[in-house]
Amino acid sequence: MGLKAVSMMVGLFVSAIAGMGEAQAKPETRALTWTEGGVTFEGALVFDRKKVKAKKGKVPGVLVVHQWMGPTANETMRAEMLAELGYVALVADVYGKDVRPKDPASAGAAAGGLKKDRALLRARLAKNLAVLLEQPEVDSAHVAAIGYCFGGTAVLELARSGAAVAGVASFHGGLDSPTPEDGKNIKAKVLVLHGAADPFVKAEDIGKFIAELDAAKVDWQMVSYAGAVHAFTQKEAGNDPSKGAAYDAKADARSWVHLNDFLHELFAR
């Protein structure tokens, strides 16, 4: 994609973000609940019915995995943006409907518990993916997963589980793995969108991650955004990079362009 095209896409992204607060016809949302391991979960399917019908009733699906605060308005916004691009998006829930952290301490406990038990995390992600695939609007042969922060770590675990997804995209996610040999299970293409100044992702982890994917001959891409720290896509993170997590409008816009290109490549038919 040329510089002019990238600039145009960034402009469209900024317009889309601004338009979220304006009165306009939003994509449809369908609340979904399911049970796994005795826990009830609640997600939301988001899609544009006109665009689905235009594609003969089925379109590619995208699983949107939340950050450590659980499913929030930010994930819903991203799902709506995906629906406007013509995809069906499921706002995932890997915590359970009764776990909605209210502060960093409870969020850390919820996310940390699943990061320590990656088998459980993978099982919950697999169920979320199965729920997405069951939806009548979804072309089950064309599915991807994206995630933010904790969710970025999660979609990489989904890929390591051998899930049959075309691709996964991690936004400012952790790259460490307790079982790097599981890289051999990855069938998906991998896109990592990373803040170059993120203090929570060690250079050592980046090196090990690249080695893991190279050893498994995975088709991967990693884009680093200068000056961006952790949580660069989330306005809730504030605007003080010295804290290690902060919103970066430029990195946010650029990363969405890179995601759009990635999905287009995955689903071009």
C-alpha atoms as a PDB file:
ATOM      1  CA  MET A   1       0.000   0.000   0.000  1.00  0.00           C
ATOM      2  CA  GLY A   2       1.435   3.406  -1.004  1.00  0.00           C
ATOM      3  CA  LEU A   3       1.808   6.399   1.303  1.00  0.00           C
ATOM      4  CA  LYS A   4      -1.178   8.164  -0.266  1.00  0.00           C
ATOM      5  CA  ALA A   5      -3.383   5.122   0.323  1.00  0.00           C
ATOM      6  CA  VAL A   6      -2.154   4.784   3.907  1.00  0.00           C
ATOM      7  CA  SER A   7      -2.901   8.471   4.570  1.00  0.00           C
ATOM      8  CA  MET A   8      -6.389   8.000   3.153  1.00  0.00           C
ATOM      9  CA  MET A   9      -6.996   4.964   5.370  1.00  0.00           C
ATOM     10  CA  VAL A  10      -5.777   6.836   8.458  1.00  0.00           C
ATOM     11  CA  GLY A  11      -8.179   9.660   7.596  1.00  0.00           C
ATOM     12  CA  LEU A  12     -11.038   7.203   7.284  1.00  0.00           C
ATOM     13  CA  PHE A  13     -10.079   5.678  10.636  1.00  0.00           C
ATOM     14  CA  VAL A  14     -10.129   9.055  12.364  1.00  0.00           C
ATOM     15  CA  SER A  15     -13.521   9.782  10.811  1.00  0.00           C
ATOM     16  CA  ALA A  16     -14.828   6.414  11.980  1.00  0.00           C
ATOM     17  CA  ILE A  17     -13.665   7.015  15.542  1.00  0.00           C
ATOM     18  CA  ALA A  18     -15.214  10.488  15.550  1.00  0.00           C
ATOM     19  CA  GLY A  19     -18.441   9.160  14.097  1.00  0.00           C
ATOM     20  CA  MET A  20     -18.913   6.700  16.950  1.00  0.00           C
ATOM     21  CA  GLY A  21     -20.303   9.507  19.069  1.00  0.00           C
ATOM     22  CA  GLU A  22     -22.699  10.801  16.428  1.00  0.00           C
ATOM     23  CA  ALA A  23     -26.241   9.727  15.728  1.00  0.00           C
ATOM     24  CA  GLN A  24     -26.068   7.182  12.957  1.00  0.00           C
ATOM     25  CA  ALA A  25     -27.392   3.761  12.025  1.00  0.00           C
ATOM     26  CA  LYS A  26     -25.238   1.349  13.968  1.00  0.00           C
ATOM     27  CA  PRO A  27     -24.678  -2.304  13.097  1.00  0.00           C
ATOM     28  CA  GLU A  28     -26.967  -4.811  14.780  1.00  0.00           C
ATOM     29  CA  THR A  29     -25.961  -6.418  18.059  1.00  0.00           C
ATOM     30  CA  ARG A  30     -27.114  -9.843  19.237  1.00  0.00           C
ATOM     31  CA  ALA A  31     -26.460 -10.784  22.865  1.00  0.00           C
ATOM     32  CA  LEU A  32     -25.213 -14.356  23.257  1.00  0.00           C
ATOM     33  CA  THR A  33     -24.746 -16.506  26.349  1.00  0.00           C
ATOM     34  CA  TRP A  34     -23.147 -19.913  26.720  1.00  0.00           C
ATOM     35  CA  THR A  35     -21.827 -22.226  29.422  1.00  0.00           C
ATOM     36  CA  GLU A  36     -18.419 -23.854  29.637  1.00  0.00           C
ATOM     37  CA  GLY A  37     -17.006 -25.722  32.621  1.00  0.00           C
ATOM     38  CA  GLY A  38     -19.919 -24.692  34.806  1.00  0.00           C
ATOM     39  CA  VAL A  39     -19.353 -20.980  34.086  1.00  0.00           C
ATOM     40  CA  THR A  40     -21.802 -18.792  32.143  1.00  0.00           C
ATOM     41  CA  PHE A  41     -20.345 -16.369  29.619  1.00  0.00           C
ATOM     42  CA  GLU A  42     -21.891 -13.426  27.801  1.00  0.00           C
ATOM     43  CA  GLY A  43     -20.719 -12.002  24.492  1.00  0.00           C
ATOM     44  CA  ALA A  44     -22.193  -9.925  21.694  1.00  0.00           C
ATOM     45  CA  LEU A  45     -22.371 -10.570  17.963  1.00  0.00           C
ATOM     46  CA  VAL A  46     -22.131  -7.404  15.870  1.00  0.00           C
ATOM     47  CA  PHE A  47     -22.896  -7.222  12.150  1.00  0.00           C
ATOM     48  CA  ASP A  48     -24.363  -5.103   9.370  1.00  0.00           C
ATOM     49  CA  ARG A  49     -27.363  -6.996   8.011  1.00  0.00           C
ATOM     50  CA  LYS A  50     -27.300  -5.234   4.627  1.00  0.00           C
ATOM     51  CA  LYS A  51     -23.673  -6.140   4.064  1.00  0.00           C
ATOM     52  CA  VAL A  52     -24.299  -9.719   5.110  1.00  0.00           C
ATOM     53  CA  LYS A  53     -27.186 -10.024   2.653  1.00  0.00           C
ATOM     54  CA  ALA A  54     -25.071  -8.517  -0.100  1.00  0.00           C
ATOM     55  CA  LYS A  55     -22.597 -11.363   0.388  1.00  0.00           C
ATOM     56  CA  LYS A  56     -25.314 -14.014   0.012  1.00  0.00           C
ATOM     57  CA  GLY A  57     -25.887 -14.332   3.732  1.00  0.00           C
ATOM     58  CA  LYS A  58     -22.417 -15.270   5.016  1.00  0.00           C
ATOM     59  CA  VAL A  59     -19.314 -13.161   5.621  1.00  0.00           C
ATOM     60  CA  PRO A  60     -15.959 -13.670   7.360  1.00  0.00           C
ATOM     61  CA  GLY A  61     -16.051 -13.662  11.144  1.00  0.00           C
ATOM     62  CA  VAL A  62     -13.691 -11.978  13.596  1.00  0.00           C
ATOM     63  CA  LEU A  63     -13.367 -12.833  17.285  1.00  0.00           C
ATOM     64  CA  VAL A  64     -12.547  -9.716  19.348  1.00  0.00           C
ATOM     65  CA  VAL A  65     -10.846 -10.660  22.619  1.00  0.00           C
ATOM     66  CA  HIS A  66     -10.944  -8.143  25.442  1.00  0.00           C
ATOM     67  CA  GLN A  67      -8.205  -6.551  27.533  1.00  0.00           C
ATOM     68  CA  TRP A  68      -7.801  -7.179  31.258  1.00  0.00           C
ATOM     69  CA  MET A  69     -10.888  -5.151  32.246  1.00  0.00           C
ATOM     70  CA  GLY A  70     -13.098  -7.634  30.407  1.00  0.00           C
ATOM     71  CA  PRO A  71     -15.591  -6.818  27.637  1.00  0.00           C
ATOM     72  CA  THR A  72     -16.064  -3.035  27.545  1.00  0.00           C
ATOM     73  CA  ALA A  73     -17.347  -0.308  25.245  1.00  0.00           C
ATOM     74  CA  ASN A  74     -13.940  -0.316  23.557  1.00  0.00           C
ATOM     75  CA  GLU A  75     -14.384  -3.885  22.292  1.00  0.00           C
ATOM     76  CA  THR A  76     -17.930  -3.081  21.184  1.00  0.00           C
ATOM     77  CA  MET A  77     -16.617  -0.071  19.253  1.00  0.00           C
ATOM     78  CA  ARG A  78     -14.014  -2.232  17.505  1.00  0.00           C
ATOM     79  CA  ALA A  79     -16.647  -4.824  16.658  1.00  0.00           C
ATOM     80  CA  GLU A  80     -18.835  -2.095  15.148  1.00  0.00           C
ATOM     81  CA  MET A  81     -15.897  -0.851  13.078  1.00  0.00           C
ATOM     82  CA  LEU A  82     -15.325  -4.394  11.840  1.00  0.00           C
ATOM     83  CA  ALA A  83     -19.019  -4.723  10.981  1.00  0.00           C
ATOM     84  CA  GLU A  84     -18.783  -1.524   8.964  1.00  0.00           C
ATOM     85  CA  LEU A  85     -15.956  -3.142   7.006  1.00  0.00           C
ATOM     86  CA  GLY A  86     -18.270  -6.041   6.204  1.00  0.00           C
ATOM     87  CA  TYR A  87     -17.290  -8.604   8.841  1.00  0.00           C
ATOM     88  CA  VAL A  88     -19.287 -10.314  11.584  1.00  0.00           C
ATOM     89  CA  ALA A  89     -17.587  -9.727  14.936  1.00  0.00           C
ATOM     90  CA  LEU A  90     -18.059 -11.504  18.247  1.00  0.00           C
ATOM     91  CA  VAL A  91     -17.108  -9.528  21.348  1.00  0.00           C
ATOM     92  CA  ALA A  92     -15.594 -12.389  23.317  1.00  0.00           C
ATOM     93  CA  ASP A  93     -15.906 -13.198  27.010  1.00  0.00           C
ATOM     94  CA  VAL A  94     -13.187 -15.350  28.542  1.00  0.00           C
ATOM     95  CA  TYR A  95     -13.834 -14.293  32.150  1.00  0.00           C
ATOM     96  CA  GLY A  96     -17.478 -15.283  32.647  1.00  0.00           C
ATOM     97  CA  LYS A  97     -20.436 -12.906  32.826  1.00  0.00           C
ATOM     98  CA  ASP A  98     -20.082 -12.419  36.584  1.00  0.00           C
ATOM     99  CA  VAL A  99     -16.454 -11.275  36.309  1.00  0.00           C
ATOM    100  CA  ARG A 100     -16.315  -7.634  35.246  1.00  0.00           C
ATOM    101  CA  PRO A 101     -13.323  -6.002  36.961  1.00  0.00           C
ATOM    102  CA  LYS A 102     -13.864  -2.522  38.381  1.00  0.00           C
ATOM    103  CA  ASP A 103     -10.240  -1.630  39.102  1.00  0.00           C
ATOM    104  CA  PRO A 104      -6.691  -2.620  38.105  1.00  0.00           C
ATOM    105  CA  ALA A 105      -6.282  -4.940  41.097  1.00  0.00           C
ATOM    106  CA  SER A 106      -9.303  -7.089  40.224  1.00  0.00           C
ATOM    107  CA  ALA A 107      -8.419  -6.932  36.522  1.00  0.00           C
ATOM    108  CA  GLY A 108      -4.904  -8.120  37.291  1.00  0.00           C
ATOM    109  CA  ALA A 109      -6.265 -11.015  39.315  1.00  0.00           C
ATOM    110  CA  ALA A 110      -8.668 -12.082  36.556  1.00  0.00           C
ATOM    111  CA  ALA A 111      -6.154 -11.811  33.727  1.00  0.00           C
ATOM    112  CA  GLY A 112      -3.292 -13.181  35.808  1.00  0.00           C
ATOM    113  CA  GLY A 113      -5.237 -16.282  36.750  1.00  0.00           C
ATOM    114  CA  LEU A 114      -5.802 -17.175  33.116  1.00  0.00           C
ATOM    115  CA  LYS A 115      -2.243 -16.338  32.081  1.00  0.00           C
ATOM    116  CA  LYS A 116      -1.037 -18.791  34.715  1.00  0.00           C
ATOM    117  CA  ASP A 117      -3.485 -21.454  33.505  1.00  0.00           C
ATOM    118  CA  ARG A 118      -3.107 -21.304  29.746  1.00  0.00           C
ATOM    119  CA  ALA A 119      -4.880 -24.609  29.236  1.00  0.00           C
ATOM    120  CA  LEU A 120      -8.007 -23.043  30.751  1.00  0.00           C
ATOM    121  CA  LEU A 121      -7.487 -19.878  28.713  1.00  0.00           C
ATOM    122  CA  ARG A 122      -7.231 -21.924  25.520  1.00  0.00           C
ATOM    123  CA  ALA A 123     -10.350 -23.914  26.393  1.00  0.00           C
ATOM    124  CA  ARG A 124     -12.361 -20.743  26.938  1.00  0.00           C
ATOM    125  CA  LEU A 125     -11.050 -19.205  23.727  1.00  0.00           C
ATOM    126  CA  ALA A 126     -11.952 -22.378  21.834  1.00  0.00           C
ATOM    127  CA  LYS A 127     -15.517 -22.120  23.123  1.00  0.00           C
ATOM    128  CA  ASN A 128     -15.743 -18.445  22.112  1.00  0.00           C
ATOM    129  CA  LEU A 129     -14.527 -19.413  18.655  1.00  0.00           C
ATOM    130  CA  ALA A 130     -17.087 -22.243  18.465  1.00  0.00           C
ATOM    131  CA  VAL A 131     -19.867 -19.789  19.356  1.00  0.00           C
ATOM    132  CA  LEU A 132     -18.750 -17.475  16.548  1.00  0.00           C
ATOM    133  CA  LEU A 133     -18.639 -20.339  14.057  1.00  0.00           C
ATOM    134  CA  GLU A 134     -22.181 -21.385  14.999  1.00  0.00           C
ATOM    135  CA  GLN A 135     -23.700 -18.072  13.940  1.00  0.00           C
ATOM    136  CA  PRO A 136     -25.669 -18.270  10.674  1.00  0.00           C
ATOM    137  CA  GLU A 137     -24.135 -15.046   9.311  1.00  0.00           C
ATOM    138  CA  VAL A 138     -20.574 -16.347   9.608  1.00  0.00           C
ATOM    139  CA  ASP A 139     -18.609 -17.978   6.809  1.00  0.00           C
ATOM    140  CA  SER A 140     -16.948 -20.604   8.995  1.00  0.00           C
ATOM    141  CA  ALA A 141     -14.169 -21.161   6.467  1.00  0.00           C
ATOM    142  CA  HIS A 142     -13.012 -17.556   6.860  1.00  0.00           C
ATOM    143  CA  VAL A 143     -12.440 -16.613  10.491  1.00  0.00           C
ATOM    144  CA  ALA A 144      -9.794 -14.584  12.358  1.00  0.00           C
ATOM    145  CA  ALA A 145      -9.194 -13.398  15.918  1.00  0.00           C
ATOM    146  CA  ILE A 146      -7.896 -10.091  17.247  1.00  0.00           C
ATOM    147  CA  GLY A 147      -7.131  -9.072  20.807  1.00  0.00           C
ATOM    148  CA  TYR A 148      -6.032  -6.121  22.922  1.00  0.00           C
ATOM    149  CA  CYS A 149      -3.419  -6.230  25.730  1.00  0.00           C
ATOM    150  CA  PHE A 150      -4.420  -9.391  27.647  1.00  0.00           C
ATOM    151  CA  GLY A 151      -6.557 -10.244  24.617  1.00  0.00           C
ATOM    152  CA  GLY A 152      -3.499  -9.877  22.399  1.00  0.00           C
ATOM    153  CA  THR A 153      -1.734 -12.493  24.493  1.00  0.00           C
ATOM    154  CA  ALA A 154      -4.880 -14.609  24.344  1.00  0.00           C
ATOM    155  CA  VAL A 155      -5.190 -14.725  20.553  1.00  0.00           C
ATOM    156  CA  LEU A 156      -1.572 -15.858  20.306  1.00  0.00           C
ATOM    157  CA  GLU A 157      -2.470 -18.686  22.693  1.00  0.00           C
ATOM    158  CA  LEU A 158      -5.448 -19.488  20.482  1.00  0.00           C
ATOM    159  CA  ALA A 159      -3.057 -19.807  17.556  1.00  0.00           C
ATOM    160  CA  ARG A 160      -0.651 -21.947  19.595  1.00  0.00           C
ATOM    161  CA  SER A 161      -3.536 -24.284  20.409  1.00  0.00           C
ATOM    162  CA  GLY A 162      -3.754 -25.145  16.707  1.00  0.00           C
ATOM    163  CA  ALA A 163      -7.130 -23.477  16.216  1.00  0.00           C
ATOM    164  CA  ALA A 164      -8.380 -23.455  12.636  1.00  0.00           C
ATOM    165  CA  VAL A 165      -8.370 -19.697  12.138  1.00  0.00           C
ATOM    166  CA  ALA A 166      -6.940 -17.941   9.109  1.00  0.00           C
ATOM    167  CA  GLY A 167      -5.085 -15.372  11.169  1.00  0.00           C
ATOM    168  CA  VAL A 168      -4.652 -13.708  14.539  1.00  0.00           C
ATOM    169  CA  ALA A 169      -3.714 -10.097  15.290  1.00  0.00           C
ATOM    170  CA  SER A 170      -2.334  -8.990  18.652  1.00  0.00           C
ATOM    171  CA  PHE A 171      -2.566  -5.316  19.633  1.00  0.00           C
ATOM    172  CA  HIS A 172      -0.017  -4.444  22.356  1.00  0.00           C
ATOM    173  CA  GLY A 173      -0.208  -7.971  23.750  1.00  0.00           C
ATOM    174  CA  GLY A 174       2.308  -9.929  25.778  1.00  0.00           C
ATOM    175  CA  LEU A 175       4.526 -12.191  23.675  1.00  0.00           C
ATOM    176  CA  ASP A 176       5.883 -14.543  26.320  1.00  0.00           C
ATOM    177  CA  SER A 177       5.003 -18.230  26.282  1.00  0.00           C
ATOM    178  CA  PRO A 178       5.544 -20.910  28.937  1.00  0.00           C
ATOM    179  CA  THR A 179       5.459 -23.532  26.175  1.00  0.00           C
ATOM    180  CA  PRO A 180       7.225 -22.107  23.097  1.00  0.00           C
ATOM    181  CA  GLU A 181       7.332 -25.561  21.555  1.00  0.00           C
ATOM    182  CA  ASP A 182       3.596 -25.090  20.925  1.00  0.00           C
ATOM    183  CA  GLY A 183       4.521 -22.745  18.110  1.00  0.00           C
ATOM    184  CA  LYS A 184       4.595 -25.840  15.923  1.00  0.00           C
ATOM    185  CA  ASN A 185       0.802 -26.060  16.279  1.00  0.00           C
ATOM    186  CA  ILE A 186       0.170 -22.661  14.699  1.00  0.00           C
ATOM    187  CA  LYS A 187      -1.802 -22.832  11.459  1.00  0.00           C
ATOM    188  CA  ALA A 188      -2.749 -19.153  11.347  1.00  0.00           C
ATOM    189  CA  LYS A 189      -0.934 -16.186   9.923  1.00  0.00           C
ATOM    190  CA  VAL A 190       0.191 -13.917  12.744  1.00  0.00           C
ATOM    191  CA  LEU A 191       0.213 -10.118  12.963  1.00  0.00           C
ATOM    192  CA  VAL A 192       1.731  -8.398  16.003  1.00  0.00           C
ATOM    193  CA  LEU A 193       1.072  -4.660  16.435  1.00  0.00           C
ATOM    194  CA  HIS A 194       3.479  -3.430  19.064  1.00  0.00           C
ATOM    195  CA  GLY A 195       4.362  -0.206  20.849  1.00  0.00           C
ATOM    196  CA  ALA A 196       8.110   0.217  20.339  1.00  0.00           C
ATOM    197  CA  ALA A 197       8.390   1.883  23.758  1.00  0.00           C
ATOM    198  CA  ASP A 198       6.170  -0.626  25.612  1.00  0.00           C
ATOM    199  CA  PRO A 199       7.971  -1.238  28.929  1.00  0.00           C
ATOM    200  CA  PHE A 200       5.935  -4.357  29.672  1.00  0.00           C
ATOM    201  CA  VAL A 201       7.191  -6.369  26.690  1.00  0.00           C
ATOM    202  CA  LYS A 202      10.839  -7.266  27.165  1.00  0.00           C
ATOM    203  CA  ALA A 203      13.282  -7.381  24.275  1.00  0.00           C
ATOM    204  CA  GLU A 204      14.100 -10.907  25.430  1.00  0.00           C
ATOM    205  CA  ASP A 205      10.456 -11.941  24.989  1.00  0.00           C
ATOM    206  CA  ILE A 206      10.374 -10.443  21.491  1.00  0.00           C
ATOM    207  CA  GLY A 207      13.483 -12.385  20.519  1.00  0.00           C
ATOM    208  CA  LYS A 208      12.122 -15.645  21.900  1.00  0.00           C
ATOM    209  CA  PHE A 209       8.763 -15.051  20.215  1.00  0.00           C
ATOM    210  CA  ILE A 210      10.358 -14.505  16.809  1.00  0.00           C
ATOM    211  CA  ALA A 211      12.523 -17.586  17.292  1.00  0.00           C
ATOM    212  CA  GLU A 212       9.437 -19.616  18.207  1.00  0.00           C
ATOM    213  CA  LEU A 213       7.586 -18.581  15.064  1.00  0.00           C
ATOM    214  CA  ASP A 214      10.590 -18.965  12.797  1.00  0.00           C
ATOM    215  CA  ALA A 215      11.277 -22.463  14.125  1.00  0.00           C
ATOM    216  CA  ALA A 216       7.682 -23.386  13.299  1.00  0.00           C
ATOM    217  CA  LYS A 217       7.844 -21.668   9.875  1.00  0.00           C
ATOM    218  CA  VAL A 218       4.877 -19.461  10.750  1.00  0.00           C
ATOM    219  CA  ASP A 219       3.864 -16.663   8.359  1.00  0.00           C
ATOM    220  CA  TRP A 220       4.246 -13.696  10.711  1.00  0.00           C
ATOM    221  CA  GLN A 221       4.496  -9.910  10.666  1.00  0.00           C
ATOM    222  CA  MET A 222       5.413  -7.529  13.460  1.00  0.00           C
ATOM    223  CA  VAL A 223       4.930  -3.771  13.250  1.00  0.00           C
ATOM    224  CA  SER A 224       6.423  -1.503  15.943  1.00  0.00           C
ATOM    225  CA  TYR A 225       5.192   2.069  16.389  1.00  0.00           C
ATOM    226  CA  ALA A 226       7.798   4.609  17.467  1.00  0.00           C
ATOM    227  CA  GLY A 227       7.151   6.192  20.843  1.00  0.00           C
ATOM    228  CA  ALA A 228       4.026   4.125  21.509  1.00  0.00           C
ATOM    229  CA  VAL A 229       3.754   2.446  24.894  1.00  0.00           C
ATOM    230  CA  HIS A 230       1.390  -0.214  26.205  1.00  0.00           C
ATOM    231  CA  ALA A 231      -2.369   0.098  25.518  1.00  0.00           C
ATOM    232  CA  PHE A 232      -1.808   2.550  22.649  1.00  0.00           C
ATOM    233  CA  THR A 233      -5.270   1.841  21.155  1.00  0.00           C
ATOM    234  CA  GLN A 234      -7.190   2.582  24.349  1.00  0.00           C
ATOM    235  CA  LYS A 235      -8.250   6.120  25.244  1.00  0.00           C
ATOM    236  CA  GLU A 236      -8.993   4.924  28.774  1.00  0.00           C
ATOM    237  CA  ALA A 237      -5.234   4.519  29.273  1.00  0.00           C
ATOM    238  CA  GLY A 238      -4.812   8.311  29.379  1.00  0.00           C
ATOM    239  CA  ASN A 239      -2.179  10.410  27.646  1.00  0.00           C
ATOM    240  CA  ASP A 240       0.890  10.115  29.875  1.00  0.00           C
ATOM    241  CA  PRO A 241       3.413   7.722  28.268  1.00  0.00           C
ATOM    242  CA  SER A 242       5.671   7.986  31.323  1.00  0.00           C
ATOM    243  CA  LYS A 243       3.229   5.668  33.116  1.00  0.00           C
ATOM    244  CA  GLY A 244       4.027   2.916  30.616  1.00  0.00           C
ATOM    245  CA  ALA A 245       0.488   2.723  29.237  1.00  0.00           C
ATOM    246  CA  ALA A 246      -1.135   5.543  27.246  1.00  0.00           C
ATOM    247  CA  TYR A 247      -3.276   6.201  24.210  1.00  0.00           C
ATOM    248  CA  ASP A 248      -1.440   7.121  21.008  1.00  0.00           C
ATOM    249  CA  ALA A 249      -3.776   8.349  18.266  1.00  0.00           C
ATOM    250  CA  LYS A 250      -1.229   7.935  15.483  1.00  0.00           C
ATOM    251  CA  ALA A 251      -0.311   4.381  16.467  1.00  0.00           C
ATOM    252  CA  ASP A 252      -3.996   3.558  16.928  1.00  0.00           C
ATOM    253  CA  ALA A 253      -4.836   4.765  13.421  1.00  0.00           C
ATOM    254  CA  ARG A 254      -1.845   3.087  11.811  1.00  0.00           C
ATOM    255  CA  SER A 255      -2.478  -0.215  13.543  1.00  0.00           C
ATOM    256  CA  TRP A 256      -6.071  -0.247  12.299  1.00  0.00           C
ATOM    257  CA  VAL A 257      -4.831   0.255   8.749  1.00  0.00           C
ATOM    258  CA  HIS A 258      -2.437  -2.642   9.199  1.00  0.00           C
ATOM    259  CA  LEU A 259      -5.240  -4.819  10.578  1.00  0.00           C
ATOM    260  CA  ASN A 260      -7.480  -3.906   7.648  1.00  0.00           C
ATOM    261  CA  ASP A 261      -4.753  -4.921   5.185  1.00  0.00           C
ATOM    262  CA  PHE A 262      -4.180  -8.169   7.088  1.00  0.00           C
ATOM    263  CA  LEU A 263      -7.867  -9.135   7.057  1.00  0.00           C
ATOM    264  CA  HIS A 264      -8.149  -8.245   3.392  1.00  0.00           C
ATOM    265  CA  GLU A 265      -5.248 -10.560   2.639  1.00  0.00           C
ATOM    266  CA  LEU A 266      -6.735 -13.364   4.733  1.00  0.00           C
ATOM    267  CA  PHE A 267     -10.194 -13.179   3.218  1.00  0.00           C
ATOM    268  CA  ALA A 268      -9.585 -12.063  -0.366  1.00  0.00           C
ATOM    269  CA  ARG A 269     -11.738 -14.285  -2.574  1.00  0.00           C
END
